[in-house]
């Protein structure tokens, strides 16, 4: 192999879009059993329509993916894949799944894969998808090597030595803190392009609008599913609370709407180049340099929150212990007072007898 293959690896959440509503609606379709009545194509088209309308996708994602697709057509880009922390529940036993009326088993990352293909105007645009396995603990960042870029390379080129010098991995996290096992390449650090996270809160009625459109287009009435009404209310309330959190995160993390337009041009230059001495290398280094203080700030904030939580817990325990002590002292004083009163009554009764 004269040169390393050109590979683009994309994360999902907060990188290409803000997909929280997808998880809640998927949860409803899977647990209610209504998903079994739905047509795959009709339902995916409704997700796609409203994701574009509500700006669930990061601004200019369609332009970016169409540009990447054209680069594949022109032979500039070799592979495009997804690498996400999302669970692919299709392969997890005893897990609620949306199985459509046509027998198609869906999962959130599979839905996004199809929508990326639609945005790129190519049904075969995405070449591969890597997800995390199910674990008893959900603390994936501490317990599992979440993103292994060498694994992605070996999947496409099993008989070639790992070379990541022409690979770009875009993710909203500063990957130094949790990506491991990117071995066998001295340039893998330059492959990681940290993106500013994209959060998008939706209108308060967005959950209803999307779900109602799905049900209507599939000619489904909830009257046939009395238990689904309560489940819907419960899941909708959970989504509403999450949407409020996202709103604050959106305010705290403003983005540049033209970011993906710029990246499309820079990435094309990177893949066309023969070496690493080009603009995208500088951009990656600059992006990493800008991301590092933000990550350190996040770490400090997390430590502060943990410290505050511990302080509050300690204070609460102290108050509880103090309350127990106070109650014990009060009970003891009350018992002593009652005993004195009984003794006085006993003495007065004894005097009357004599």
Protein backbone atom coordinates (compact mmCIF):
# COMPACT_ATOMS: atom_id res chain seq x y z
CA UNK A 1 0.00 0.00 0.00
CA UNK A 2 1.72 3.15 -1.23
CA UNK A 3 -0.43 5.55 0.77
CA UNK A 4 -2.87 5.29 3.62
CA UNK A 5 -6.55 5.00 2.67
CA UNK A 6 -8.72 8.10 3.13
CA UNK A 7 -11.27 7.38 5.88
CA UNK A 8 -13.87 9.59 7.55
CA UNK A 9 -15.26 8.42 10.93
CA UNK A 10 -18.21 10.27 12.47
CA UNK A 11 -19.72 10.26 15.92
CA UNK A 12 -23.50 10.74 16.25
CA UNK A 13 -24.71 12.54 19.37
CA UNK A 14 -23.84 16.24 19.63
CA UNK A 15 -21.55 15.85 16.60
CA UNK A 16 -23.86 15.47 13.61
CA UNK A 17 -26.98 16.41 15.53
CA UNK A 18 -28.93 16.54 18.79
CA UNK A 19 -30.95 13.33 18.74
CA UNK A 20 -32.61 13.13 22.16
CA UNK A 21 -36.16 13.09 20.84
CA UNK A 22 -35.33 10.03 18.73
CA UNK A 23 -34.48 7.94 21.78
CA UNK A 24 -37.71 8.83 23.59
CA UNK A 25 -39.96 8.15 20.60
CA UNK A 26 -38.09 4.94 19.85
CA UNK A 27 -38.60 3.90 23.48
CA UNK A 28 -42.34 4.48 23.14
CA UNK A 29 -42.64 2.57 19.85
CA UNK A 30 -40.68 -0.37 21.26
CA UNK A 31 -42.37 -0.66 24.67
CA UNK A 32 -45.94 0.07 23.58
CA UNK A 33 -45.97 -2.55 20.84
CA UNK A 34 -47.22 0.05 18.38
CA UNK A 35 -43.94 -0.20 16.50
CA UNK A 36 -45.05 -3.64 15.29
CA UNK A 37 -47.83 -1.95 13.30
CA UNK A 38 -45.61 0.63 11.58
CA UNK A 39 -44.20 0.64 8.09
CA UNK A 40 -40.42 1.20 8.12
CA UNK A 41 -40.19 3.54 5.13
CA UNK A 42 -43.14 5.71 6.15
CA UNK A 43 -41.85 6.05 9.71
CA UNK A 44 -38.24 6.83 8.78
CA UNK A 45 -39.47 9.46 6.33
CA UNK A 46 -41.40 11.18 9.13
CA UNK A 47 -38.34 11.21 11.36
CA UNK A 48 -36.31 12.63 8.49
CA UNK A 49 -38.88 15.32 7.66
CA UNK A 50 -39.21 16.66 11.19
CA UNK A 51 -35.53 16.33 12.04
CA UNK A 52 -34.85 18.74 9.19
CA UNK A 53 -37.73 21.00 10.18
CA UNK A 54 -36.72 21.21 13.86
CA UNK A 55 -32.95 21.49 13.13
CA UNK A 56 -32.18 18.25 14.93
CA UNK A 57 -29.33 17.80 12.45
CA UNK A 58 -26.34 20.11 12.87
CA UNK A 59 -26.60 23.08 10.48
CA UNK A 60 -25.35 22.27 6.96
CA UNK A 61 -25.00 18.56 7.67
CA UNK A 62 -26.68 17.78 4.34
CA UNK A 63 -24.16 19.90 2.43
CA UNK A 64 -21.27 18.29 4.31
CA UNK A 65 -22.44 14.71 3.64
CA UNK A 66 -23.25 15.44 -0.01
CA UNK A 67 -19.72 16.83 -0.40
CA UNK A 68 -18.23 13.73 1.23
CA UNK A 69 -20.36 11.54 -1.04
CA UNK A 70 -19.11 13.38 -4.12
CA UNK A 71 -15.56 12.84 -2.90
CA UNK A 72 -16.27 9.10 -2.70
CA UNK A 73 -17.66 9.18 -6.23
CA UNK A 74 -14.54 11.00 -7.42
CA UNK A 75 -12.27 8.47 -5.72
CA UNK A 76 -10.90 11.02 -3.22
CA UNK A 77 -12.52 9.47 -0.12
CA UNK A 78 -12.42 5.71 0.39
CA UNK A 79 -14.60 4.93 3.41
CA UNK A 80 -17.15 6.69 5.64
CA UNK A 81 -18.35 5.10 8.86
CA UNK A 82 -20.18 5.84 12.11
CA UNK A 83 -18.56 5.27 15.50
CA UNK A 84 -20.96 5.95 18.34
CA UNK A 85 -21.58 5.24 22.01
CA UNK A 86 -25.20 4.46 21.19
CA UNK A 87 -26.39 0.91 21.77
CA UNK A 88 -27.40 -1.12 18.74
CA UNK A 89 -30.28 -2.80 20.56
CA UNK A 90 -31.01 -5.03 17.57
CA UNK A 91 -28.41 -7.45 18.88
CA UNK A 92 -29.21 -7.29 22.60
CA UNK A 93 -31.41 -10.02 24.08
CA UNK A 94 -34.28 -9.08 26.41
CA UNK A 95 -34.18 -5.46 25.28
CA UNK A 96 -37.26 -3.62 23.99
CA UNK A 97 -36.96 -3.18 20.24
CA UNK A 98 -38.95 -1.51 17.52
CA UNK A 99 -39.75 -4.26 15.01
CA UNK A 100 -41.72 -2.81 12.11
CA UNK A 101 -44.62 -4.52 10.35
CA UNK A 102 -42.29 -5.47 7.48
CA UNK A 103 -40.06 -7.39 9.91
CA UNK A 104 -37.26 -4.80 9.96
CA UNK A 105 -35.61 -4.54 13.39
CA UNK A 106 -34.55 -0.97 14.13
CA UNK A 107 -32.24 0.79 16.57
CA UNK A 108 -31.43 4.51 16.96
CA UNK A 109 -27.97 4.26 15.29
CA UNK A 110 -29.48 2.25 12.41
CA UNK A 111 -32.14 4.93 11.93
CA UNK A 112 -29.43 7.60 11.82
CA UNK A 113 -27.40 5.55 9.35
CA UNK A 114 -30.35 5.51 6.97
CA UNK A 115 -30.92 9.24 7.41
CA UNK A 116 -27.25 10.02 6.72
CA UNK A 117 -27.63 8.10 3.47
CA UNK A 118 -30.69 10.19 2.63
CA UNK A 119 -28.85 13.42 3.41
CA UNK A 120 -25.93 12.31 1.24
CA UNK A 121 -28.32 11.25 -1.57
CA UNK A 122 -26.73 7.82 -1.67
CA UNK A 123 -28.31 4.67 -0.17
CA UNK A 124 -24.85 3.13 0.26
CA UNK A 125 -23.00 6.20 1.54
CA UNK A 126 -22.19 4.81 5.01
CA UNK A 127 -19.77 1.89 4.70
CA UNK A 128 -19.80 0.70 8.31
CA UNK A 129 -21.16 1.33 11.78
CA UNK A 130 -19.50 0.70 15.15
CA UNK A 131 -21.49 0.84 18.39
CA UNK A 132 -20.74 -0.03 21.98
CA UNK A 133 -21.78 -3.37 23.45
CA UNK A 134 -24.33 -3.67 26.22
CA UNK A 135 -22.83 -3.62 29.71
CA UNK A 136 -24.44 -4.03 33.15
CA UNK A 137 -22.92 -0.68 34.07
CA UNK A 138 -23.65 2.36 31.91
CA UNK A 139 -20.40 4.05 32.93
CA UNK A 140 -18.91 3.46 29.49
CA UNK A 141 -16.19 6.09 29.66
CA UNK A 142 -14.49 4.42 32.60
CA UNK A 143 -15.15 0.76 31.76
CA UNK A 144 -14.86 0.36 28.01
CA UNK A 145 -12.43 1.48 25.27
CA UNK A 146 -15.22 3.38 23.56
CA UNK A 147 -13.61 4.57 20.35
CA UNK A 148 -10.89 2.43 18.79
CA UNK A 149 -9.86 3.98 15.49
CA UNK A 150 -7.51 1.10 14.69
CA UNK A 151 -10.48 -1.27 14.99
CA UNK A 152 -12.33 0.69 12.31
CA UNK A 153 -9.29 0.57 10.03
CA UNK A 154 -8.85 -3.19 10.48
CA UNK A 155 -12.53 -3.75 9.71
CA UNK A 156 -12.08 -2.27 6.24
CA UNK A 157 -8.47 -3.37 5.63
CA UNK A 158 -7.85 -6.55 7.66
CA UNK A 159 -4.70 -7.53 5.75
CA UNK A 160 -2.94 -4.16 5.88
CA UNK A 161 -0.92 -2.51 8.64
CA UNK A 162 -2.91 0.14 10.49
CA UNK A 163 -2.28 3.63 9.14
CA UNK A 164 -4.43 6.46 10.40
CA UNK A 165 -2.51 9.36 8.89
CA UNK A 166 -5.27 9.84 6.27
CA UNK A 167 -8.13 9.19 8.69
CA UNK A 168 -10.23 11.92 10.32
CA UNK A 169 -12.49 11.19 13.27
CA UNK A 170 -14.95 13.96 14.17
CA UNK A 171 -16.44 13.86 17.66
CA UNK A 172 -17.80 16.41 20.10
CA UNK A 173 -15.57 15.15 22.90
CA UNK A 174 -11.89 15.80 23.37
CA UNK A 175 -10.96 12.21 22.71
CA UNK A 176 -7.66 12.09 24.60
CA UNK A 177 -9.68 11.52 27.75
CA UNK A 178 -11.40 8.35 26.65
CA UNK A 179 -10.18 6.94 23.32
CA UNK A 180 -7.66 4.13 23.72
CA UNK A 181 -6.27 1.27 21.62
CA UNK A 182 -5.44 3.45 18.62
CA UNK A 183 -2.12 1.64 18.38
CA UNK A 184 0.14 0.82 15.44
CA UNK A 185 0.11 4.35 14.13
CA UNK A 186 2.36 7.20 15.04
CA UNK A 187 -0.04 9.76 13.61
CA UNK A 188 -3.34 8.68 15.14
CA UNK A 189 -3.51 11.73 17.42
CA UNK A 190 -3.76 13.95 14.39
CA UNK A 191 -6.77 11.92 13.24
CA UNK A 192 -9.00 13.18 16.03
CA UNK A 193 -10.92 16.32 15.21
CA UNK A 194 -12.80 17.65 18.26
CA UNK A 195 -16.07 19.36 17.31
CA UNK A 196 -17.92 21.89 19.45
CA UNK A 197 -20.93 19.98 20.84
CA UNK A 198 -24.25 20.69 19.16
CA UNK A 199 -27.29 20.89 21.42
CA UNK A 200 -30.71 21.79 20.09
CA UNK A 201 -33.79 22.17 22.24
CA UNK A 202 -37.07 21.56 20.42
CA UNK A 203 -40.51 23.20 20.69
CA UNK A 204 -42.49 21.93 23.66
CA UNK A 205 -44.92 20.12 21.37
CA UNK A 206 -42.22 18.55 19.15
CA UNK A 207 -42.62 15.10 20.73
CA UNK A 208 -46.37 15.20 19.99
CA UNK A 209 -45.92 16.54 16.47
CA UNK A 210 -43.42 13.85 15.41
CA UNK A 211 -45.21 10.96 17.10
CA UNK A 212 -48.66 12.04 15.88
CA UNK A 213 -47.33 12.35 12.32
CA UNK A 214 -45.89 8.83 12.52
CA UNK A 215 -49.16 7.40 13.85
CA UNK A 216 -51.30 9.30 11.35
CA UNK A 217 -49.23 8.33 8.32
CA UNK A 218 -49.40 4.70 9.46
CA UNK A 219 -53.18 4.90 10.16
CA UNK A 220 -52.69 3.99 13.81
CA UNK A 221 -55.13 5.03 16.54
CA UNK A 222 -54.13 4.93 20.19
CA UNK A 223 -57.69 3.90 21.09
CA UNK A 224 -56.65 0.35 20.29
CA UNK A 225 -53.82 0.61 22.81
CA UNK A 226 -55.21 1.86 26.16
CA UNK A 227 -52.00 1.03 28.02
CA UNK A 228 -50.00 3.03 25.46
CA UNK A 229 -51.71 6.27 26.48
CA UNK A 230 -50.25 6.17 30.00
CA UNK A 231 -46.87 5.08 28.66
CA UNK A 232 -46.89 7.96 26.21
CA UNK A 233 -47.64 10.47 28.97
CA UNK A 234 -44.82 9.07 31.11
CA UNK A 235 -42.23 9.09 28.30
CA UNK A 236 -43.37 12.49 27.05
CA UNK A 237 -42.88 13.95 30.54
CA UNK A 238 -39.39 12.48 30.71
CA UNK A 239 -38.59 13.97 27.29
CA UNK A 240 -39.94 17.37 28.34
CA UNK A 241 -37.63 17.43 31.36
CA UNK A 242 -34.67 16.40 29.19
CA UNK A 243 -35.55 19.06 26.63
CA UNK A 244 -35.28 21.73 29.34
CA UNK A 245 -31.78 20.50 30.18
CA UNK A 246 -30.85 20.63 26.50
CA UNK A 247 -32.11 24.21 26.28
CA UNK A 248 -29.63 25.29 28.94
CA UNK A 249 -26.83 23.33 27.27
CA UNK A 250 -27.70 25.00 23.98
CA UNK A 251 -27.33 28.41 25.61
CA UNK A 252 -24.04 27.39 27.21
CA UNK A 253 -22.58 26.00 23.95
CA UNK A 254 -23.19 28.38 21.03
CA UNK A 255 -21.92 27.14 17.67
CA UNK A 256 -20.91 28.55 14.30
CA UNK A 257 -23.60 27.65 11.78
CA UNK A 258 -21.10 27.49 8.90
CA UNK A 259 -18.72 25.07 10.62
CA UNK A 260 -19.56 22.07 8.44
CA UNK A 261 -19.23 24.14 5.27
CA UNK A 262 -15.69 25.03 6.29
CA UNK A 263 -14.87 21.46 7.28
CA UNK A 264 -16.10 20.12 3.93
CA UNK A 265 -13.55 22.29 2.13
CA UNK A 266 -10.75 21.60 4.60
CA UNK A 267 -11.35 17.84 4.62
CA UNK A 268 -11.29 17.75 0.82
CA UNK A 269 -7.92 19.49 0.85
CA UNK A 270 -6.68 17.06 3.48
CA UNK A 271 -7.69 13.96 1.53
CA UNK A 272 -6.25 15.34 -1.70
CA UNK A 273 -2.88 16.00 -0.10
CA UNK A 274 -0.05 13.50 -0.13
CA UNK A 275 1.19 14.24 3.36
CA UNK A 276 0.26 15.84 6.65
CA UNK A 277 1.77 19.26 5.96
CA UNK A 278 -1.47 21.00 5.01
CA UNK A 279 -4.17 23.24 6.43
CA UNK A 280 -6.26 20.48 7.97
CA UNK A 281 -3.33 19.36 10.13
CA UNK A 282 -3.03 22.89 11.46
CA UNK A 283 -6.80 23.03 11.90
CA UNK A 284 -6.82 19.78 13.84
CA UNK A 285 -4.01 21.00 16.09
CA UNK A 286 -5.79 24.32 16.59
CA UNK A 287 -9.10 22.59 17.28
CA UNK A 288 -7.42 20.32 19.81
CA UNK A 289 -5.68 23.28 21.43
CA UNK A 290 -9.00 25.12 21.73
CA UNK A 291 -10.82 22.04 22.96
CA UNK A 292 -8.34 21.17 25.70
CA UNK A 293 -9.09 24.18 27.94
CA UNK A 294 -12.80 23.51 27.48
CA UNK A 295 -12.35 19.91 28.50
CA UNK A 296 -10.22 20.89 31.46
CA UNK A 297 -12.97 23.33 32.39
CA UNK A 298 -15.52 20.51 32.12
CA UNK A 299 -13.35 18.33 34.32
CA UNK A 300 -13.04 21.14 36.88
CA UNK A 301 -16.79 21.68 36.76
CA UNK A 302 -17.40 17.96 37.20
CA UNK A 303 -15.02 17.84 40.16
CA UNK A 304 -16.71 20.91 41.60
CA UNK A 305 -20.13 19.28 41.21
CA UNK A 306 -18.85 16.10 42.81
CA UNK A 307 -17.28 18.12 45.62
CA UNK A 308 -20.51 20.04 46.15
CA UNK A 309 -22.49 16.81 46.08
CA UNK A 310 -20.16 15.25 48.65
CA UNK A 311 -20.38 18.37 50.82
CA UNK A 312 -24.16 18.39 50.64
CA UNK A 313 -24.29 14.67 51.38
CA UNK A 314 -21.88 15.11 54.28
CA UNK A 315 -23.88 18.08 55.56
CA UNK A 316 -27.13 16.17 55.27
CA UNK A 317 -25.65 13.23 57.12
CA UNK A 318 -24.35 15.59 59.77
CA UNK A 319 -27.75 17.19 60.10
CA UNK A 320 -29.36 13.78 60.30
CA UNK A 321 -26.94 12.72 63.02
CA UNK A 322 -27.48 16.01 64.82
CA UNK A 323 -31.22 15.57 64.53
CA UNK A 324 -30.91 12.08 65.94
CA UNK A 325 -28.79 13.44 68.80
CA UNK A 326 -31.22 16.28 69.40
CA UNK A 327 -34.18 13.94 69.32
CA UNK A 328 -32.39 11.60 71.69
CA UNK A 329 -31.64 14.43 74.08
CA UNK A 330 -35.19 15.72 73.82
CA UNK A 331 -36.59 12.26 74.44
CA UNK A 332 -34.29 11.83 77.44
CA UNK A 333 -35.33 15.22 78.88
CA UNK A 334 -38.98 14.41 78.28
CA UNK A 335 -38.61 11.06 80.03
CA UNK A 336 -36.81 12.74 82.94
CA UNK A 337 -39.54 15.38 83.19
CA UNK A 338 -42.27 12.74 83.08
CA UNK A 339 -40.43 10.73 85.73
CA UNK A 340 -40.22 13.81 87.98
CA UNK A 341 -43.91 14.42 87.52
CA UNK A 342 -44.71 10.81 88.41
CA UNK A 343 -42.50 11.08 91.50
CA UNK A 344 -44.26 14.27 92.59
CA UNK A 345 -47.68 12.66 92.15
CA UNK A 346 -46.47 9.64 94.09
CA UNK A 347 -45.19 11.84 96.98
CA UNK A 348 -48.43 13.82 97.15
CA UNK A 349 -50.45 10.61 97.19
CA UNK A 350 -48.26 9.21 100.00
CA UNK A 351 -48.74 12.37 102.12
CA UNK A 352 -52.53 12.15 101.84
CA UNK A 353 -52.50 8.62 103.21
CA UNK A 354 -50.74 9.71 106.38
